Amino acid sequence: MANYKEITSNGLWKNNPALVQLLGLCPLLAVTGSVVNALGLGIATMLVLVGSNIAVSLIRHAVSDAVKLPAFVMIIAAFTTCTELLMQAFTYELYQILGIFIPLIVTNCAILGRADAFACKNPLLPSAIDGFMMGLGFLLVLVTIGALREILGAGTLFDNMHLLLGESARAWTLTLFGDNYKGFLVAVLPPGAFFIAGLLIAIKNMVDIQLKNQASKNKVKATKGAKRVRTTGHVA
């Protein structure tokens, strides 16, 4: 039976595609200049990841090892094309801004990696949940980097959200530092994305170390000699 708690934990934290596996870094660093760009690419990647995981799981008993990788790539390309057409139909301006990075979802190693490492070995539901959680973990990192770069680079947050969510989101723009803020150029450029991604990875590693130390302190130290287990669960 699949351990859905572990699948969720792996996707969001322990085996996060961006912070742990370091996969899909090219679009992550290139298009996260704002929240709307990061959210658009993150949702597109998550849709392809969920769809390809479901399709790969369904055909896992019908495809031999010799042709499974070409089959997986064709499935991923098909879902990427569907996502591309949907963005052209409903979010055309954002599609133009993201440009080549939407078709390049086909080459995202995180998607092919989950198809080969998980979906081709597991039933439909766990594979779908794995795709969703891995995609959600990737999306959250994208949005966090996009928010920090937008705040530091332009002094705003949620600017141009109408490109993804419609006219009702046009007024969501928050101006954080006033109209005279000149912006921090490095945050807008790709090196700024490198610095912020590195900072997030460092914070995650520090949290993991703290959790590990806390778990070690909570362990009951074994003592020498005979022991008796009380009805309360206490060992003495």
Foldseek 3Di string as FASTA:
>chain_A
DDDLVVLLCCQQAVVACCQHVVWPVVLLLVQLLALLSLLLLLVLLLQLLLQLLLVLLVCLVVDDPVCSLVVSLVSSQVSLVVSLVVCCVQQVVSSVVSDPVSNCSSVTVVSSVLSVVPSSVDHNPSSNSSSNSNSVNSSVSSNVLSQVLCCQFPQKHQDPNCSPVNPVSNPVIDRHPDPPDPHDNCSNHSNVSVVVSVVVSVVSVVVVVVVVVVVVVPDDDDDDDDWDQDPVRDID
